[in-house]
Amino acid sequence: MCGTFGTQQAVDAVPLKRIGDTEKDVGALVSFLLGDDSTYLTAQSIYVAGGSGVYR
């Protein structure tokens, strides 16, 4: 249960049904982009949005 009024509605609007974590979600992407596994990745826009842009 979320403590702040409106927070549960925001969580419910995200397809993954949770609020993103800056270290676990965004940090993991940044770590990947800075590492050797992303050397073939060019000119991409990557959205860390919990699936919000997948469907409407």
C-alpha atoms as a PDB file:
ATOM      1  CA  MET A   1       0.000   0.000   0.000  1.00  0.00           C
ATOM      2  CA  CYS A   2       1.350   3.420  -0.910  1.00  0.00           C
ATOM      3  CA  GLY A   3       1.264   6.107   1.740  1.00  0.00           C
ATOM      4  CA  THR A   4       0.870   9.272  -0.321  1.00  0.00           C
ATOM      5  CA  PHE A   5      -2.500  10.188  -1.813  1.00  0.00           C
ATOM      6  CA  GLY A   6      -2.384   9.632  -5.558  1.00  0.00           C
ATOM      7  CA  THR A   7       0.683   7.415  -5.503  1.00  0.00           C
ATOM      8  CA  GLN A   8      -1.340   4.228  -5.893  1.00  0.00           C
ATOM      9  CA  GLN A   9      -3.122   5.710  -8.908  1.00  0.00           C
ATOM     10  CA  ALA A  10       0.252   6.535 -10.471  1.00  0.00           C
ATOM     11  CA  VAL A  11       1.523   3.006  -9.821  1.00  0.00           C
ATOM     12  CA  ASP A  12      -1.654   1.524 -11.294  1.00  0.00           C
ATOM     13  CA  ALA A  13      -1.107   3.548 -14.484  1.00  0.00           C
ATOM     14  CA  VAL A  14       2.313   1.929 -15.077  1.00  0.00           C
ATOM     15  CA  PRO A  15       2.107  -1.463 -16.839  1.00  0.00           C
ATOM     16  CA  LEU A  16       4.798  -2.982 -14.570  1.00  0.00           C
ATOM     17  CA  LYS A  17       2.735  -1.885 -11.522  1.00  0.00           C
ATOM     18  CA  ARG A  18       5.655  -0.412  -9.612  1.00  0.00           C
ATOM     19  CA  ILE A  19       7.567   2.827  -9.335  1.00  0.00           C
ATOM     20  CA  GLY A  20      10.969   2.734 -10.997  1.00  0.00           C
ATOM     21  CA  ASP A  21      14.130   2.636  -8.932  1.00  0.00           C
ATOM     22  CA  THR A  22      16.917   4.979 -10.044  1.00  0.00           C
ATOM     23  CA  GLU A  23      19.761   2.627  -9.162  1.00  0.00           C
ATOM     24  CA  LYS A  24      18.204  -0.678 -10.189  1.00  0.00           C
ATOM     25  CA  ASP A  25      16.370   0.427 -13.337  1.00  0.00           C
ATOM     26  CA  VAL A  26      18.115   3.523 -14.690  1.00  0.00           C
ATOM     27  CA  GLY A  27      21.512   2.605 -13.263  1.00  0.00           C
ATOM     28  CA  ALA A  28      21.409  -0.814 -14.897  1.00  0.00           C
ATOM     29  CA  LEU A  29      20.766   0.792 -18.284  1.00  0.00           C
ATOM     30  CA  VAL A  30      23.560   3.326 -17.826  1.00  0.00           C
ATOM     31  CA  SER A  31      25.929   0.546 -16.774  1.00  0.00           C
ATOM     32  CA  PHE A  32      25.011  -1.444 -19.882  1.00  0.00           C
ATOM     33  CA  LEU A  33      25.461   1.556 -22.189  1.00  0.00           C
ATOM     34  CA  LEU A  34      28.887   2.301 -20.729  1.00  0.00           C
ATOM     35  CA  GLY A  35      30.015  -1.330 -20.921  1.00  0.00           C
ATOM     36  CA  ASP A  36      31.427  -3.491 -23.672  1.00  0.00           C
ATOM     37  CA  ASP A  37      28.090  -5.236 -24.351  1.00  0.00           C
ATOM     38  CA  SER A  38      26.665  -2.121 -26.018  1.00  0.00           C
ATOM     39  CA  THR A  39      29.442  -1.487 -28.539  1.00  0.00           C
ATOM     40  CA  TYR A  40      27.190  -2.285 -31.523  1.00  0.00           C
ATOM     41  CA  LEU A  41      24.341  -0.051 -30.304  1.00  0.00           C
ATOM     42  CA  THR A  42      24.161   3.301 -32.089  1.00  0.00           C
ATOM     43  CA  ALA A  43      21.695   6.199 -32.372  1.00  0.00           C
ATOM     44  CA  GLN A  44      18.960   4.818 -30.148  1.00  0.00           C
ATOM     45  CA  SER A  45      16.413   6.443 -27.861  1.00  0.00           C
ATOM     46  CA  ILE A  46      15.852   4.211 -24.861  1.00  0.00           C
ATOM     47  CA  TYR A  47      12.960   4.981 -22.533  1.00  0.00           C
ATOM     48  CA  VAL A  48      13.017   3.691 -18.973  1.00  0.00           C
ATOM     49  CA  ALA A  49       9.323   4.072 -18.293  1.00  0.00           C
ATOM     50  CA  GLY A  50       8.056   0.754 -16.961  1.00  0.00           C
ATOM     51  CA  GLY A  51       6.264  -0.012 -20.192  1.00  0.00           C
ATOM     52  CA  SER A  52       4.219   3.199 -20.225  1.00  0.00           C
ATOM     53  CA  GLY A  53       4.983   3.814 -23.894  1.00  0.00           C
ATOM     54  CA  VAL A  54       4.092   0.291 -24.994  1.00  0.00           C
ATOM     55  CA  TYR A  55       0.342   0.771 -25.177  1.00  0.00           C
ATOM     56  CA  ARG A  56      -2.215   3.415 -24.364  1.00  0.00           C
END
